[in-house]
Amino acid sequence: MSTKKDMLSRLSKVAKNAPLQESAATKTEEVTATDHIVSPVESVKKVKPARKAKNLQIPEDLWDAYEVLKSNNTTSLLMTGYILEAFREKLAKDGAFNKL
């Protein structure tokens, strides 16, 4: 037990006498008005696709069919995935994605 105390006391003495070191990222530098500093929060932000919320009223028979797939472990998709895929297919069929 005394060796642990000796070791801890030596470490505490070394830590008290150790100079504080600053990394280059934490040093303050003069910033001119033309400099732009990007904060870590700005550089990490994810850009979400623009979406509009819509409330859909889905017929009960479609929900029942979906629940059968979920209960049989046939699908792991949410209902949203099915809706988006069907909507995208219908738009493509109607020519919404054709370039003018």
C-alpha atoms as a PDB file:
ATOM      1  CA  MET A   1       0.000   0.000   0.000  1.00  0.00           C
ATOM      2  CA  SER A   2       2.841   2.358   0.713  1.00  0.00           C
ATOM      3  CA  THR A   3       4.192   1.927  -2.824  1.00  0.00           C
ATOM      4  CA  LYS A   4       0.906   3.182  -4.270  1.00  0.00           C
ATOM      5  CA  LYS A   5       1.008   6.201  -1.953  1.00  0.00           C
ATOM      6  CA  ASP A   6       4.609   6.896  -2.937  1.00  0.00           C
ATOM      7  CA  MET A   7       3.802   6.604  -6.592  1.00  0.00           C
ATOM      8  CA  LEU A   8       0.765   8.904  -6.281  1.00  0.00           C
ATOM      9  CA  SER A   9       2.727  11.486  -4.326  1.00  0.00           C
ATOM     10  CA  ARG A  10       5.497  11.486  -6.972  1.00  0.00           C
ATOM     11  CA  LEU A  11       2.908  11.876  -9.728  1.00  0.00           C
ATOM     12  CA  SER A  12       1.209  14.755  -7.948  1.00  0.00           C
ATOM     13  CA  LYS A  13       4.563  16.539  -7.513  1.00  0.00           C
ATOM     14  CA  VAL A  14       5.348  16.110 -11.195  1.00  0.00           C
ATOM     15  CA  ALA A  15       1.893  17.328 -12.191  1.00  0.00           C
ATOM     16  CA  LYS A  16       2.195  20.440 -10.006  1.00  0.00           C
ATOM     17  CA  ASN A  17       5.495  21.408 -11.613  1.00  0.00           C
ATOM     18  CA  ALA A  18       4.516  20.562 -15.198  1.00  0.00           C
ATOM     19  CA  PRO A  19       3.963  23.550 -17.460  1.00  0.00           C
ATOM     20  CA  LEU A  20       0.602  23.968 -19.094  1.00  0.00           C
ATOM     21  CA  GLN A  21       0.788  23.234 -22.811  1.00  0.00           C
ATOM     22  CA  GLU A  22      -1.685  24.660 -25.264  1.00  0.00           C
ATOM     23  CA  SER A  23      -2.436  23.090 -28.594  1.00  0.00           C
ATOM     24  CA  ALA A  24      -2.479  25.235 -31.710  1.00  0.00           C
ATOM     25  CA  ALA A  25      -6.264  24.972 -31.846  1.00  0.00           C
ATOM     26  CA  THR A  26      -6.745  26.585 -28.445  1.00  0.00           C
ATOM     27  CA  LYS A  27      -4.285  29.454 -28.882  1.00  0.00           C
ATOM     28  CA  THR A  28      -5.882  32.814 -29.520  1.00  0.00           C
ATOM     29  CA  GLU A  29      -4.708  34.706 -32.548  1.00  0.00           C
ATOM     30  CA  GLU A  30      -5.496  38.110 -33.914  1.00  0.00           C
ATOM     31  CA  VAL A  31      -8.456  37.975 -36.234  1.00  0.00           C
ATOM     32  CA  THR A  32      -9.037  40.634 -38.833  1.00  0.00           C
ATOM     33  CA  ALA A  33     -12.436  41.638 -40.115  1.00  0.00           C
ATOM     34  CA  THR A  34     -11.840  39.744 -43.378  1.00  0.00           C
ATOM     35  CA  ASP A  35     -11.052  36.433 -41.643  1.00  0.00           C
ATOM     36  CA  HIS A  36     -13.872  33.955 -41.259  1.00  0.00           C
ATOM     37  CA  ILE A  37     -13.578  31.385 -38.526  1.00  0.00           C
ATOM     38  CA  VAL A  38     -15.804  28.324 -38.864  1.00  0.00           C
ATOM     39  CA  SER A  39     -16.951  26.995 -35.535  1.00  0.00           C
ATOM     40  CA  PRO A  40     -16.997  23.212 -35.009  1.00  0.00           C
ATOM     41  CA  VAL A  41     -20.791  23.346 -34.890  1.00  0.00           C
ATOM     42  CA  GLU A  42     -20.985  24.930 -38.353  1.00  0.00           C
ATOM     43  CA  SER A  43     -18.659  22.374 -39.919  1.00  0.00           C
ATOM     44  CA  VAL A  44     -20.583  19.390 -38.504  1.00  0.00           C
ATOM     45  CA  LYS A  45     -24.116  20.446 -39.442  1.00  0.00           C
ATOM     46  CA  LYS A  46     -25.871  18.080 -41.819  1.00  0.00           C
ATOM     47  CA  VAL A  47     -27.951  19.481 -44.607  1.00  0.00           C
ATOM     48  CA  LYS A  48     -31.413  17.960 -44.578  1.00  0.00           C
ATOM     49  CA  PRO A  49     -33.390  17.759 -47.785  1.00  0.00           C
ATOM     50  CA  ALA A  50     -36.255  20.203 -47.955  1.00  0.00           C
ATOM     51  CA  ARG A  51     -39.499  18.410 -47.182  1.00  0.00           C
ATOM     52  CA  LYS A  52     -43.052  19.503 -46.721  1.00  0.00           C
ATOM     53  CA  ALA A  53     -45.178  17.793 -44.110  1.00  0.00           C
ATOM     54  CA  LYS A  54     -48.377  16.311 -45.425  1.00  0.00           C
ATOM     55  CA  ASN A  55     -51.018  14.446 -43.488  1.00  0.00           C
ATOM     56  CA  LEU A  56     -52.174  11.431 -45.452  1.00  0.00           C
ATOM     57  CA  GLN A  57     -55.282   9.461 -44.739  1.00  0.00           C
ATOM     58  CA  ILE A  58     -54.415   5.894 -45.648  1.00  0.00           C
ATOM     59  CA  PRO A  59     -57.300   3.447 -46.101  1.00  0.00           C
ATOM     60  CA  GLU A  60     -57.589   0.774 -43.431  1.00  0.00           C
ATOM     61  CA  ASP A  61     -57.184  -2.110 -45.887  1.00  0.00           C
ATOM     62  CA  LEU A  62     -53.737  -0.790 -46.870  1.00  0.00           C
ATOM     63  CA  TRP A  63     -52.721  -0.563 -43.216  1.00  0.00           C
ATOM     64  CA  ASP A  64     -53.958  -4.116 -42.641  1.00  0.00           C
ATOM     65  CA  ALA A  65     -51.959  -5.402 -45.623  1.00  0.00           C
ATOM     66  CA  TYR A  66     -48.888  -3.593 -44.311  1.00  0.00           C
ATOM     67  CA  GLU A  67     -49.362  -5.063 -40.825  1.00  0.00           C
ATOM     68  CA  VAL A  68     -49.531  -8.573 -42.342  1.00  0.00           C
ATOM     69  CA  LEU A  69     -46.143  -7.990 -43.986  1.00  0.00           C
ATOM     70  CA  LYS A  70     -44.704  -6.667 -40.728  1.00  0.00           C
ATOM     71  CA  SER A  71     -46.054  -9.564 -38.649  1.00  0.00           C
ATOM     72  CA  ASN A  72     -44.660 -12.141 -41.117  1.00  0.00           C
ATOM     73  CA  ASN A  73     -41.265 -10.379 -41.041  1.00  0.00           C
ATOM     74  CA  THR A  74     -41.546  -9.959 -44.813  1.00  0.00           C
ATOM     75  CA  THR A  75     -40.571  -6.310 -44.568  1.00  0.00           C
ATOM     76  CA  SER A  76     -38.661  -4.085 -42.223  1.00  0.00           C
ATOM     77  CA  LEU A  77     -39.639  -0.891 -44.032  1.00  0.00           C
ATOM     78  CA  LEU A  78     -41.793   1.742 -42.455  1.00  0.00           C
ATOM     79  CA  MET A  79     -45.007   2.681 -44.196  1.00  0.00           C
ATOM     80  CA  THR A  80     -43.319   5.919 -45.259  1.00  0.00           C
ATOM     81  CA  GLY A  81     -40.923   4.010 -47.496  1.00  0.00           C
ATOM     82  CA  TYR A  82     -43.780   2.353 -49.331  1.00  0.00           C
ATOM     83  CA  ILE A  83     -45.614   5.636 -49.749  1.00  0.00           C
ATOM     84  CA  LEU A  84     -42.553   7.456 -51.105  1.00  0.00           C
ATOM     85  CA  GLU A  85     -41.720   4.652 -53.512  1.00  0.00           C
ATOM     86  CA  ALA A  86     -45.264   4.508 -54.882  1.00  0.00           C
ATOM     87  CA  PHE A  87     -45.395   8.299 -55.186  1.00  0.00           C
ATOM     88  CA  ARG A  88     -42.030   8.395 -56.994  1.00  0.00           C
ATOM     89  CA  GLU A  89     -43.133   5.612 -59.394  1.00  0.00           C
ATOM     90  CA  LYS A  90     -46.384   7.433 -60.192  1.00  0.00           C
ATOM     91  CA  LEU A  91     -44.542  10.712 -60.829  1.00  0.00           C
ATOM     92  CA  ALA A  92     -42.068   8.943 -63.129  1.00  0.00           C
ATOM     93  CA  LYS A  93     -44.903   7.222 -64.993  1.00  0.00           C
ATOM     94  CA  ASP A  94     -46.653  10.564 -65.503  1.00  0.00           C
ATOM     95  CA  GLY A  95     -43.431  12.160 -66.827  1.00  0.00           C
ATOM     96  CA  ALA A  96     -42.700  14.508 -63.940  1.00  0.00           C
ATOM     97  CA  PHE A  97     -38.962  13.829 -64.136  1.00  0.00           C
ATOM     98  CA  ASN A  98     -38.594  14.324 -67.885  1.00  0.00           C
ATOM     99  CA  LYS A  99     -36.270  17.190 -68.701  1.00  0.00           C
ATOM    100  CA  LEU A 100     -37.800  20.029 -70.663  1.00  0.00           C
END
